PDB file of N, CA and C in Angstrom:
ATOM      1  N   MET A   1     -15.157  38.691  14.040  1.00  0.00           N
ATOM      2  CA  MET A   1     -16.444  39.086  13.552  1.00  0.00           C
ATOM      3  C   MET A   1     -17.148  38.691  12.375  1.00  0.00           C
ATOM      4  N   HIS A   2     -18.270  38.460  11.950  1.00  0.00           N
ATOM      5  CA  HIS A   2     -18.759  37.575  10.835  1.00  0.00           C
ATOM      6  C   HIS A   2     -18.817  39.059   9.950  1.00  0.00           C
ATOM      7  N   THR A   3     -18.758  38.496   8.435  1.00  0.00           N
ATOM      8  CA  THR A   3     -18.894  39.425   7.451  1.00  0.00           C
ATOM      9  C   THR A   3     -20.207  39.289   6.878  1.00  0.00           C
ATOM     10  N   PRO A   4     -20.685  40.320   6.261  1.00  0.00           N
ATOM     11  CA  PRO A   4     -21.668  39.992   5.551  1.00  0.00           C
ATOM     12  C   PRO A   4     -21.472  38.981   4.199  1.00  0.00           C
ATOM     13  N   ASP A   5     -20.145  38.837   3.706  1.00  0.00           N
ATOM     14  CA  ASP A   5     -19.500  37.594   3.207  1.00  0.00           C
ATOM     15  C   ASP A   5     -19.954  36.080   3.390  1.00  0.00           C
ATOM     16  N   SER A   6     -19.981  36.102   4.975  1.00  0.00           N
ATOM     17  CA  SER A   6     -20.165  34.552   5.241  1.00  0.00           C
ATOM     18  C   SER A   6     -21.242  34.395   6.155  1.00  0.00           C
ATOM     19  N   SER A   7     -21.938  35.650   6.486  1.00  0.00           N
ATOM     20  CA  SER A   7     -23.345  35.685   7.340  1.00  0.00           C
ATOM     21  C   SER A   7     -24.024  36.535   6.835  1.00  0.00           C
ATOM     22  N   ARG A   8     -25.636  36.011   7.503  1.00  0.00           N
ATOM     23  CA  ARG A   8     -26.520  36.555   6.955  1.00  0.00           C
ATOM     24  C   ARG A   8     -27.146  37.637   8.112  1.00  0.00           C
ATOM     25  N   TYR A   9     -27.778  38.829   8.032  1.00  0.00           N
ATOM     26  CA  TYR A   9     -27.867  39.693   8.923  1.00  0.00           C
ATOM     27  C   TYR A   9     -29.464  40.195   8.347  1.00  0.00           C
ATOM     28  N   PHE A  10     -30.314  39.879   9.272  1.00  0.00           N
ATOM     29  CA  PHE A  10     -31.465  40.320   9.119  1.00  0.00           C
ATOM     30  C   PHE A  10     -32.529  41.596   9.861  1.00  0.00           C
ATOM     31  N   TYR A  11     -32.776  42.560   9.458  1.00  0.00           N
ATOM     32  CA  TYR A  11     -33.311  43.698  10.205  1.00  0.00           C
ATOM     33  C   TYR A  11     -34.517  43.017  11.185  1.00  0.00           C
ATOM     34  N   ARG A  12     -34.456  43.130  12.351  1.00  0.00           N
ATOM     35  CA  ARG A  12     -35.128  42.943  13.497  1.00  0.00           C
ATOM     36  C   ARG A  12     -36.624  43.398  13.133  1.00  0.00           C
ATOM     37  N   GLU A  13     -36.735  44.787  12.689  1.00  0.00           N
ATOM     38  CA  GLU A  13     -38.100  45.486  12.705  1.00  0.00           C
ATOM     39  C   GLU A  13     -38.709  44.555  11.326  1.00  0.00           C
ATOM     40  N   GLY A  14     -40.047  44.253  11.527  1.00  0.00           N
ATOM     41  CA  GLY A  14     -40.891  43.594  10.670  1.00  0.00           C
ATOM     42  C   GLY A  14     -40.444  41.785  10.338  1.00  0.00           C
ATOM     43  N   TYR A  15     -39.564  41.540  11.258  1.00  0.00           N
ATOM     44  CA  TYR A  15     -38.891  39.949  10.677  1.00  0.00           C
ATOM     45  C   TYR A  15     -40.361  39.175  11.098  1.00  0.00           C
ATOM     46  N   GLU A  16     -40.475  39.557  12.673  1.00  0.00           N
ATOM     47  CA  GLU A  16     -42.084  38.290  12.630  1.00  0.00           C
ATOM     48  C   GLU A  16     -42.852  38.335  11.642  1.00  0.00           C
ATOM     49  N   SER A  17     -43.361  39.379  11.478  1.00  0.00           N
ATOM     50  CA  SER A  17     -44.653  39.343  10.443  1.00  0.00           C
ATOM     51  C   SER A  17     -44.027  38.801   9.032  1.00  0.00           C
ATOM     52  N   ARG A  18     -42.885  39.183   8.878  1.00  0.00           N
ATOM     53  CA  ARG A  18     -42.142  38.400   7.479  1.00  0.00           C
ATOM     54  C   ARG A  18     -42.540  37.004   7.535  1.00  0.00           C
ATOM     55  N   GLN A  19     -41.940  36.239   8.684  1.00  0.00           N
ATOM     56  CA  GLN A  19     -41.745  35.080   9.041  1.00  0.00           C
ATOM     57  C   GLN A  19     -43.122  34.302   9.145  1.00  0.00           C
ATOM     58  N   LYS A  20     -43.945  34.926   9.716  1.00  0.00           N
ATOM     59  CA  LYS A  20     -45.447  34.367  10.024  1.00  0.00           C
ATOM     60  C   LYS A  20     -46.143  34.368   8.468  1.00  0.00           C
ATOM     61  N   ASN A  21     -45.980  35.640   7.572  1.00  0.00           N
ATOM     62  CA  ASN A  21     -46.511  35.402   6.013  1.00  0.00           C
ATOM     63  C   ASN A  21     -45.462  34.415   5.241  1.00  0.00           C
ATOM     64  N   GLY A  22     -44.147  33.915   5.804  1.00  0.00           N
ATOM     65  CA  GLY A  22     -43.781  33.102   4.713  1.00  0.00           C
ATOM     66  C   GLY A  22     -42.889  34.496   3.471  1.00  0.00           C
ATOM     67  N   ALA A  23     -43.028  35.398   3.694  1.00  0.00           N
ATOM     68  CA  ALA A  23     -42.260  36.507   2.883  1.00  0.00           C
ATOM     69  C   ALA A  23     -40.775  36.323   3.128  1.00  0.00           C
ATOM     70  N   PRO A  24     -39.954  36.764   2.588  1.00  0.00           N
ATOM     71  CA  PRO A  24     -38.652  37.108   2.334  1.00  0.00           C
ATOM     72  C   PRO A  24     -38.023  38.162   3.515  1.00  0.00           C
ATOM     73  N   GLN A  25     -37.187  37.847   4.226  1.00  0.00           N
ATOM     74  CA  GLN A  25     -36.555  38.572   5.016  1.00  0.00           C
ATOM     75  C   GLN A  25     -35.602  39.980   4.465  1.00  0.00           C
ATOM     76  N   LYS A  26     -35.978  41.019   5.127  1.00  0.00           N
ATOM     77  CA  LYS A  26     -35.147  41.951   4.619  1.00  0.00           C
ATOM     78  C   LYS A  26     -33.713  41.721   5.325  1.00  0.00           C
ATOM     79  N   GLN A  27     -32.495  41.577   4.422  1.00  0.00           N
ATOM     80  CA  GLN A  27     -31.460  41.412   5.103  1.00  0.00           C
ATOM     81  C   GLN A  27     -30.373  42.091   4.478  1.00  0.00           C
ATOM     82  N   LEU A  28     -29.084  42.400   5.130  1.00  0.00           N
ATOM     83  CA  LEU A  28     -27.986  42.943   5.038  1.00  0.00           C
ATOM     84  C   LEU A  28     -27.036  41.845   4.486  1.00  0.00           C
ATOM     85  N   SER A  29     -26.543  41.259   3.384  1.00  0.00           N
ATOM     86  CA  SER A  29     -26.084  40.318   2.991  1.00  0.00           C
ATOM     87  C   SER A  29     -25.193  40.240   1.716  1.00  0.00           C
ATOM     88  N   LYS A  30     -24.411  39.373   1.158  1.00  0.00           N
ATOM     89  CA  LYS A  30     -23.912  39.615  -0.288  1.00  0.00           C
ATOM     90  C   LYS A  30     -25.233  38.431  -0.938  1.00  0.00           C
ATOM     91  N   GLU A  31     -26.275  38.154  -0.386  1.00  0.00           N
ATOM     92  CA  GLU A  31     -27.210  37.254  -1.070  1.00  0.00           C
ATOM     93  C   GLU A  31     -27.911  37.775  -2.407  1.00  0.00           C
ATOM     94  N   PHE A  32     -28.117  39.339  -2.252  1.00  0.00           N
ATOM     95  CA  PHE A  32     -28.498  39.914  -3.697  1.00  0.00           C
ATOM     96  C   PHE A  32     -27.334  40.296  -4.545  1.00  0.00           C
ATOM     97  N   VAL A  33     -26.150  39.831  -4.210  1.00  0.00           N
ATOM     98  CA  VAL A  33     -25.058  39.903  -5.372  1.00  0.00           C
ATOM     99  C   VAL A  33     -25.370  38.228  -5.996  1.00  0.00           C
ATOM    100  N   ARG A  34     -25.532  37.237  -5.208  1.00  0.00           N
ATOM    101  CA  ARG A  34     -25.174  35.884  -5.349  1.00  0.00           C
ATOM    102  C   ARG A  34     -26.556  35.933  -6.505  1.00  0.00           C
ATOM    103  N   GLN A  35     -27.628  36.474  -5.883  1.00  0.00           N
ATOM    104  CA  GLN A  35     -28.997  35.951  -7.084  1.00  0.00           C
ATOM    105  C   GLN A  35     -28.462  36.530  -8.216  1.00  0.00           C
ATOM    106  N   TRP A  36     -28.010  37.731  -8.414  1.00  0.00           N
ATOM    107  CA  TRP A  36     -27.781  38.442  -9.453  1.00  0.00           C
ATOM    108  C   TRP A  36     -26.765  37.784 -10.139  1.00  0.00           C
ATOM    109  N   LEU A  37     -25.808  37.092  -9.535  1.00  0.00           N
ATOM    110  CA  LEU A  37     -24.978  36.494 -10.583  1.00  0.00           C
ATOM    111  C   LEU A  37     -25.610  35.167 -11.118  1.00  0.00           C
ATOM    112  N   ILE A  38     -26.091  34.662 -10.108  1.00  0.00           N
ATOM    113  CA  ILE A  38     -27.079  33.226 -10.725  1.00  0.00           C
ATOM    114  C   ILE A  38     -28.108  33.537 -11.628  1.00  0.00           C
ATOM    115  N   GLU A  39     -28.940  34.786 -11.816  1.00  0.00           N
ATOM    116  CA  GLU A  39     -29.776  35.227 -12.878  1.00  0.00           C
ATOM    117  C   GLU A  39     -29.182  35.740 -14.366  1.00  0.00           C
ATOM    118  N   ASN A  40     -27.674  35.693 -13.807  1.00  0.00           N
ATOM    119  CA  ASN A  40     -26.982  36.390 -15.164  1.00  0.00           C
ATOM    120  C   ASN A  40     -26.216  35.142 -15.682  1.00  0.00           C
ATOM    121  N   GLY A  41     -26.378  34.088 -15.382  1.00  0.00           N
ATOM    122  CA  GLY A  41     -25.668  32.872 -15.804  1.00  0.00           C
ATOM    123  C   GLY A  41     -24.603  32.325 -15.116  1.00  0.00           C
ATOM    124  N   PHE A  42     -24.251  33.002 -13.838  1.00  0.00           N
ATOM    125  CA  PHE A  42     -23.306  32.699 -13.240  1.00  0.00           C
ATOM    126  C   PHE A  42     -23.291  31.674 -11.888  1.00  0.00           C
ATOM    127  N   GLN A  43     -22.754  30.759 -11.764  1.00  0.00           N
ATOM    128  CA  GLN A  43     -23.109  30.046 -10.582  1.00  0.00           C
ATOM    129  C   GLN A  43     -21.202  29.559  -9.717  1.00  0.00           C
ATOM    130  N   GLY A  44     -20.406  30.000 -10.560  1.00  0.00           N
ATOM    131  CA  GLY A  44     -18.765  29.788 -10.247  1.00  0.00           C
ATOM    132  C   GLY A  44     -18.623  28.290 -10.573  1.00  0.00           C
ATOM    133  N   LYS A  45     -19.397  27.967 -11.461  1.00  0.00           N
ATOM    134  CA  LYS A  45     -18.270  26.465 -12.160  1.00  0.00           C
ATOM    135  C   LYS A  45     -17.461  26.732 -13.062  1.00  0.00           C
ATOM    136  N   ASP A  46     -17.034  25.788 -13.142  1.00  0.00           N
ATOM    137  CA  ASP A  46     -15.566  25.674 -14.107  1.00  0.00           C
ATOM    138  C   ASP A  46     -16.093  26.167 -15.560  1.00  0.00           C
ATOM    139  N   GLY A  47     -15.239  27.041 -16.111  1.00  0.00           N
ATOM    140  CA  GLY A  47     -15.501  27.646 -17.485  1.00  0.00           C
ATOM    141  C   GLY A  47     -16.544  28.840 -17.500  1.00  0.00           C
ATOM    142  N   GLN A  48     -17.250  28.979 -16.268  1.00  0.00           N
ATOM    143  CA  GLN A  48     -18.134  30.060 -16.540  1.00  0.00           C
ATOM    144  C   GLN A  48     -17.258  31.634 -16.259  1.00  0.00           C
ATOM    145  N   ARG A  49     -17.425  32.654 -16.642  1.00  0.00           N
ATOM    146  CA  ARG A  49     -17.064  33.591 -16.731  1.00  0.00           C
ATOM    147  C   ARG A  49     -18.078  34.638 -16.067  1.00  0.00           C
ATOM    148  N   VAL A  50     -17.674  35.208 -15.167  1.00  0.00           N
ATOM    149  CA  VAL A  50     -18.076  36.169 -14.191  1.00  0.00           C
ATOM    150  C   VAL A  50     -19.103  37.339 -14.951  1.00  0.00           C
ATOM    151  N   PRO A  51     -20.347  37.554 -15.286  1.00  0.00           N
ATOM    152  CA  PRO A  51     -20.782  38.730 -15.977  1.00  0.00           C
ATOM    153  C   PRO A  51     -20.399  39.831 -15.638  1.00  0.00           C
ATOM    154  N   GLU A  52     -20.281  41.100 -16.709  1.00  0.00           N
ATOM    155  CA  GLU A  52     -19.782  42.188 -16.527  1.00  0.00           C
ATOM    156  C   GLU A  52     -21.108  42.946 -15.598  1.00  0.00           C
ATOM    157  N   MET A  53     -20.558  43.549 -14.657  1.00  0.00           N
ATOM    158  CA  MET A  53     -20.990  44.512 -13.813  1.00  0.00           C
ATOM    159  C   MET A  53     -21.172  45.822 -13.954  1.00  0.00           C
ATOM    160  N   THR A  54     -22.566  46.186 -14.145  1.00  0.00           N
ATOM    161  CA  THR A  54     -22.731  47.764 -14.702  1.00  0.00           C
ATOM    162  C   THR A  54     -22.551  48.754 -13.269  1.00  0.00           C
ATOM    163  N   ASP A  55     -22.227  49.830 -13.789  1.00  0.00           N
ATOM    164  CA  ASP A  55     -22.289  50.851 -12.991  1.00  0.00           C
ATOM    165  C   ASP A  55     -23.351  50.724 -11.823  1.00  0.00           C
ATOM    166  N   GLU A  56     -24.302  50.678 -12.395  1.00  0.00           N
ATOM    167  CA  GLU A  56     -25.607  50.915 -11.639  1.00  0.00           C
ATOM    168  C   GLU A  56     -25.806  49.293 -10.154  1.00  0.00           C
ATOM    169  N   ILE A  57     -25.136  48.207 -10.914  1.00  0.00           N
ATOM    170  CA  ILE A  57     -25.026  47.013  -9.646  1.00  0.00           C
ATOM    171  C   ILE A  57     -24.074  47.393  -8.928  1.00  0.00           C
ATOM    172  N   VAL A  58     -22.477  47.885  -9.548  1.00  0.00           N
ATOM    173  CA  VAL A  58     -21.921  48.133  -8.466  1.00  0.00           C
ATOM    174  C   VAL A  58     -22.133  49.218  -7.348  1.00  0.00           C
ATOM    175  N   SER A  59     -22.736  50.344  -7.779  1.00  0.00           N
ATOM    176  CA  SER A  59     -23.221  51.212  -6.872  1.00  0.00           C
ATOM    177  C   SER A  59     -24.209  50.631  -5.561  1.00  0.00           C
ATOM    178  N   SER A  60     -25.291  49.826  -6.580  1.00  0.00           N
ATOM    179  CA  SER A  60     -26.044  49.378  -5.355  1.00  0.00           C
ATOM    180  C   SER A  60     -25.722  48.298  -4.412  1.00  0.00           C
ATOM    181  N   ILE A  61     -24.404  47.865  -4.729  1.00  0.00           N
ATOM    182  CA  ILE A  61     -23.248  46.799  -3.554  1.00  0.00           C
ATOM    183  C   ILE A  61     -22.849  47.669  -2.837  1.00  0.00           C
ATOM    184  N   SER A  62     -22.330  48.706  -3.400  1.00  0.00           N
ATOM    185  CA  SER A  62     -21.527  49.998  -2.465  1.00  0.00           C
ATOM    186  C   SER A  62     -22.575  50.550  -1.345  1.00  0.00           C
ATOM    187  N   THR A  63     -23.669  50.584  -2.076  1.00  0.00           N
ATOM    188  CA  THR A  63     -24.868  51.168  -1.307  1.00  0.00           C
ATOM    189  C   THR A  63     -25.528  50.462   0.135  1.00  0.00           C
ATOM    190  N   ARG A  64     -25.393  48.897  -0.211  1.00  0.00           N
ATOM    191  CA  ARG A  64     -25.617  48.065   0.976  1.00  0.00           C
ATOM    192  C   ARG A  64     -24.858  47.648   1.498  1.00  0.00           C
ATOM    193  N   TYR A  65     -23.597  47.779   1.505  1.00  0.00           N
ATOM    194  CA  TYR A  65     -22.434  47.498   2.168  1.00  0.00           C
ATOM    195  C   TYR A  65     -22.166  48.751   3.225  1.00  0.00           C
ATOM    196  N   LYS A  66     -22.319  49.884   2.686  1.00  0.00           N
ATOM    197  CA  LYS A  66     -22.281  50.919   3.596  1.00  0.00           C
ATOM    198  C   LYS A  66     -23.507  50.818   4.442  1.00  0.00           C
ATOM    199  N   GLU A  67     -24.731  50.670   4.034  1.00  0.00           N
ATOM    200  CA  GLU A  67     -25.805  50.388   5.316  1.00  0.00           C
ATOM    201  C   GLU A  67     -25.608  49.486   5.899  1.00  0.00           C
ATOM    202  N   LEU A  68     -25.205  48.289   5.695  1.00  0.00           N
ATOM    203  CA  LEU A  68     -24.686  47.450   6.542  1.00  0.00           C
ATOM    204  C   LEU A  68     -23.539  47.688   7.912  1.00  0.00           C
ATOM    205  N   TYR A  69     -22.598  48.487   7.148  1.00  0.00           N
ATOM    206  CA  TYR A  69     -21.891  48.999   8.193  1.00  0.00           C
ATOM    207  C   TYR A  69     -22.567  50.015   9.199  1.00  0.00           C
ATOM    208  N   GLN A  70     -22.977  50.630   8.389  1.00  0.00           N
ATOM    209  CA  GLN A  70     -23.818  51.891   9.656  1.00  0.00           C
ATOM    210  C   GLN A  70     -24.742  50.996  10.594  1.00  0.00           C
ATOM    211  N   GLN A  71     -25.387  50.097  10.293  1.00  0.00           N
ATOM    212  CA  GLN A  71     -26.337  49.207  11.200  1.00  0.00           C
ATOM    213  C   GLN A  71     -25.656  48.747  11.966  1.00  0.00           C
ATOM    214  N   MET A  72     -24.171  48.358  11.495  1.00  0.00           N
ATOM    215  CA  MET A  72     -23.732  47.276  12.360  1.00  0.00           C
ATOM    216  C   MET A  72     -22.943  48.538  13.571  1.00  0.00           C
ATOM    217  N   ARG A  73     -21.941  49.520  13.256  1.00  0.00           N
ATOM    218  CA  ARG A  73     -21.276  50.228  13.726  1.00  0.00           C
ATOM    219  C   ARG A  73     -21.876  51.444  14.591  1.00  0.00           C
ATOM    220  N   GLY A  74     -23.187  51.704  13.987  1.00  0.00           N
ATOM    221  CA  GLY A  74     -24.060  52.839  14.899  1.00  0.00           C
ATOM    222  C   GLY A  74     -23.840  54.225  14.043  1.00  0.00           C
ATOM    223  N   GLU A  75     -22.803  54.303  12.945  1.00  0.00           N
ATOM    224  CA  GLU A  75     -22.239  55.288  12.472  1.00  0.00           C
ATOM    225  C   GLU A  75     -22.127  55.052  11.284  1.00  0.00           C
ATOM    226  N   PRO A  76     -22.099  56.339  10.041  1.00  0.00           N
ATOM    227  CA  PRO A  76     -21.939  56.064   8.782  1.00  0.00           C
ATOM    228  C   PRO A  76     -20.433  55.984   8.465  1.00  0.00           C
ATOM    229  N   LEU A  77     -20.421  54.789   7.280  1.00  0.00           N
ATOM    230  CA  LEU A  77     -18.898  54.944   6.888  1.00  0.00           C
ATOM    231  C   LEU A  77     -18.406  56.117   6.024  1.00  0.00           C
ATOM    232  N   GLY A  78     -17.160  56.480   6.642  1.00  0.00           N
ATOM    233  CA  GLY A  78     -16.758  57.932   5.792  1.00  0.00           C
ATOM    234  C   GLY A  78     -16.191  57.523   4.656  1.00  0.00           C
ATOM    235  N   PRO A  79     -15.777  58.613   3.918  1.00  0.00           N
ATOM    236  CA  PRO A  79     -15.403  58.777   3.016  1.00  0.00           C
ATOM    237  C   PRO A  79     -14.084  57.725   2.284  1.00  0.00           C
ATOM    238  N   VAL A  80     -13.958  57.106   1.269  1.00  0.00           N
ATOM    239  CA  VAL A  80     -12.778  56.177   0.977  1.00  0.00           C
ATOM    240  C   VAL A  80     -11.651  57.019  -0.007  1.00  0.00           C
ATOM    241  N   ASP A  81     -10.685  57.426   0.475  1.00  0.00           N
ATOM    242  CA  ASP A  81      -9.369  57.761  -0.370  1.00  0.00           C
ATOM    243  C   ASP A  81      -8.876  56.294  -1.355  1.00  0.00           C
ATOM    244  N   TYR A  82      -9.250  56.608  -2.438  1.00  0.00           N
ATOM    245  CA  TYR A  82      -9.298  55.552  -3.571  1.00  0.00           C
ATOM    246  C   TYR A  82      -7.433  55.893  -3.845  1.00  0.00           C
ATOM    247  N   GLU A  83      -7.628  56.771  -3.504  1.00  0.00           N
ATOM    248  CA  GLU A  83      -5.674  56.947  -4.041  1.00  0.00           C
ATOM    249  C   GLU A  83      -4.812  56.275  -3.276  1.00  0.00           C
ATOM    250  N   SER A  84      -5.173  55.947  -1.807  1.00  0.00           N
ATOM    251  CA  SER A  84      -4.152  55.332  -0.912  1.00  0.00           C
ATOM    252  C   SER A  84      -4.561  53.703  -0.689  1.00  0.00           C
ATOM    253  N   ILE A  85      -5.529  53.325  -1.386  1.00  0.00           N
ATOM    254  CA  ILE A  85      -5.785  51.892  -1.282  1.00  0.00           C
ATOM    255  C   ILE A  85      -4.596  50.980  -0.938  1.00  0.00           C
ATOM    256  N   LEU A  86      -3.938  50.751  -2.082  1.00  0.00           N
ATOM    257  CA  LEU A  86      -2.883  49.860  -2.200  1.00  0.00           C
ATOM    258  C   LEU A  86      -1.674  49.689  -1.170  1.00  0.00           C
ATOM    259  N   PRO A  87      -1.571  50.882  -1.074  1.00  0.00           N
ATOM    260  CA  PRO A  87      -0.465  51.361   0.342  1.00  0.00           C
ATOM    261  C   PRO A  87      -1.187  50.875   1.507  1.00  0.00           C
ATOM    262  N   ARG A  88      -2.543  51.055   1.649  1.00  0.00           N
ATOM    263  CA  ARG A  88      -3.378  50.903   3.046  1.00  0.00           C
ATOM    264  C   ARG A  88      -3.363  49.167   3.030  1.00  0.00           C
ATOM    265  N   VAL A  89      -3.194  48.745   1.811  1.00  0.00           N
ATOM    266  CA  VAL A  89      -3.657  46.876   2.087  1.00  0.00           C
ATOM    267  C   VAL A  89      -2.328  46.679   2.278  1.00  0.00           C
ATOM    268  N   ARG A  90      -1.166  47.247   1.906  1.00  0.00           N
ATOM    269  CA  ARG A  90       0.083  46.498   1.868  1.00  0.00           C
ATOM    270  C   ARG A  90       0.330  46.270   3.517  1.00  0.00           C
ATOM    271  N   GLU A  91       0.029  47.787   4.001  1.00  0.00           N
ATOM    272  CA  GLU A  91       0.703  47.990   5.516  1.00  0.00           C
ATOM    273  C   GLU A  91      -0.420  47.201   6.289  1.00  0.00           C
ATOM    274  N   SER A  92      -1.559  46.937   6.114  1.00  0.00           N
ATOM    275  CA  SER A  92      -2.317  45.941   6.653  1.00  0.00           C
ATOM    276  C   SER A  92      -2.025  44.783   7.167  1.00  0.00           C
ATOM    277  N   ILE A  93      -1.151  43.971   5.671  1.00  0.00           N
ATOM    278  CA  ILE A  93      -0.723  42.731   5.738  1.00  0.00           C
ATOM    279  C   ILE A  93       0.306  43.010   6.248  1.00  0.00           C
ATOM    280  N   ILE A  94       1.342  43.639   6.207  1.00  0.00           N
ATOM    281  CA  ILE A  94       2.571  43.434   6.914  1.00  0.00           C
ATOM    282  C   ILE A  94       2.170  43.823   8.308  1.00  0.00           C
ATOM    283  N   ASN A  95       1.402  44.422   8.747  1.00  0.00           N
ATOM    284  CA  ASN A  95       1.422  44.684  10.134  1.00  0.00           C
ATOM    285  C   ASN A  95       0.515  43.322  10.745  1.00  0.00           C
ATOM    286  N   SER A  96      -0.263  42.217   9.790  1.00  0.00           N
ATOM    287  CA  SER A  96      -1.050  41.447  10.301  1.00  0.00           C
ATOM    288  C   SER A  96       0.204  40.674  10.375  1.00  0.00           C
ATOM    289  N   VAL A  97       0.823  40.177   9.565  1.00  0.00           N
ATOM    290  CA  VAL A  97       2.155  39.382   9.150  1.00  0.00           C
ATOM    291  C   VAL A  97       3.084  39.255  10.844  1.00  0.00           C
ATOM    292  N   ASN A  98       3.449  40.793  10.584  1.00  0.00           N
ATOM    293  CA  ASN A  98       4.556  41.095  11.909  1.00  0.00           C
ATOM    294  C   ASN A  98       3.670  40.538  13.284  1.00  0.00           C
ATOM    295  N   SER A  99       2.628  40.710  13.342  1.00  0.00           N
ATOM    296  CA  SER A  99       1.494  40.517  14.823  1.00  0.00           C
ATOM    297  C   SER A  99       1.766  38.871  14.695  1.00  0.00           C
ATOM    298  N   VAL A 100       1.531  38.069  13.555  1.00  0.00           N
ATOM    299  CA  VAL A 100       1.444  37.027  13.933  1.00  0.00           C
ATOM    300  C   VAL A 100       2.923  36.158  14.215  1.00  0.00           C
ATOM    301  N   ASN A 101       3.763  36.784  13.385  1.00  0.00           N
ATOM    302  CA  ASN A 101       5.239  36.453  13.769  1.00  0.00           C
ATOM    303  C   ASN A 101       5.774  36.597  15.165  1.00  0.00           C
ATOM    304  N   LEU A 102       5.592  38.023  15.759  1.00  0.00           N
ATOM    305  CA  LEU A 102       5.534  38.361  17.154  1.00  0.00           C
ATOM    306  C   LEU A 102       5.068  37.221  18.178  1.00  0.00           C
ATOM    307  N   GLU A 103       3.660  37.284  18.122  1.00  0.00           N
ATOM    308  CA  GLU A 103       2.827  36.331  18.609  1.00  0.00           C
ATOM    309  C   GLU A 103       3.342  35.060  18.605  1.00  0.00           C
ATOM    310  N   GLY A 104       3.815  34.406  17.417  1.00  0.00           N
ATOM    311  CA  GLY A 104       4.859  32.942  17.604  1.00  0.00           C
ATOM    312  C   GLY A 104       6.119  32.881  18.201  1.00  0.00           C
ATOM    313  N   LEU A 105       6.756  34.401  17.981  1.00  0.00           N
ATOM    314  CA  LEU A 105       8.109  34.186  18.886  1.00  0.00           C
ATOM    315  C   LEU A 105       7.951  34.044  20.547  1.00  0.00           C
ATOM    316  N   LYS A 106       6.897  34.812  20.954  1.00  0.00           N
ATOM    317  CA  LYS A 106       6.470  34.920  22.132  1.00  0.00           C
ATOM    318  C   LYS A 106       5.879  33.459  22.856  1.00  0.00           C
ATOM    319  N   SER A 107       4.985  32.721  21.977  1.00  0.00           N
ATOM    320  CA  SER A 107       5.023  31.473  22.666  1.00  0.00           C
ATOM    321  C   SER A 107       5.920  30.537  22.072  1.00  0.00           C
ATOM    322  N   ASN A 108       6.971  30.671  21.268  1.00  0.00           N
ATOM    323  CA  ASN A 108       8.022  29.247  20.915  1.00  0.00           C
ATOM    324  C   ASN A 108       7.286  28.601  19.872  1.00  0.00           C
ATOM    325  N   LYS A 109       6.606  29.345  19.342  1.00  0.00           N
ATOM    326  CA  LYS A 109       5.835  28.257  18.142  1.00  0.00           C
ATOM    327  C   LYS A 109       6.391  28.427  16.502  1.00  0.00           C
ATOM    328  N   LEU A 110       7.296  29.524  16.789  1.00  0.00           N
ATOM    329  CA  LEU A 110       7.687  29.698  15.108  1.00  0.00           C
ATOM    330  C   LEU A 110       9.418  29.401  15.648  1.00  0.00           C
TER     331      LEU A 110
END
């Protein structure tokens, strides 16, 4: 599945009228983050530093990603337990590596 980091999702509602009028589409993607970075002097070039993000911009990014999740899944994103993030990431990585290793063993590719 494509993520909002690699794909652009547009709202169906109002799409046609915005298209006909040459107006920007309402989208759920990281494009607004990219535009903010460019407006603040960052384009990913050598020697550039990512500008500091205020609590306000971080909150707006979080809100947009939660909105995307709800639009795609049809349910709101539940609360996040920030205390368990690193153990959960570690467990996910280990499970993924083990899954690849098991698949490789089954197909004799390892």
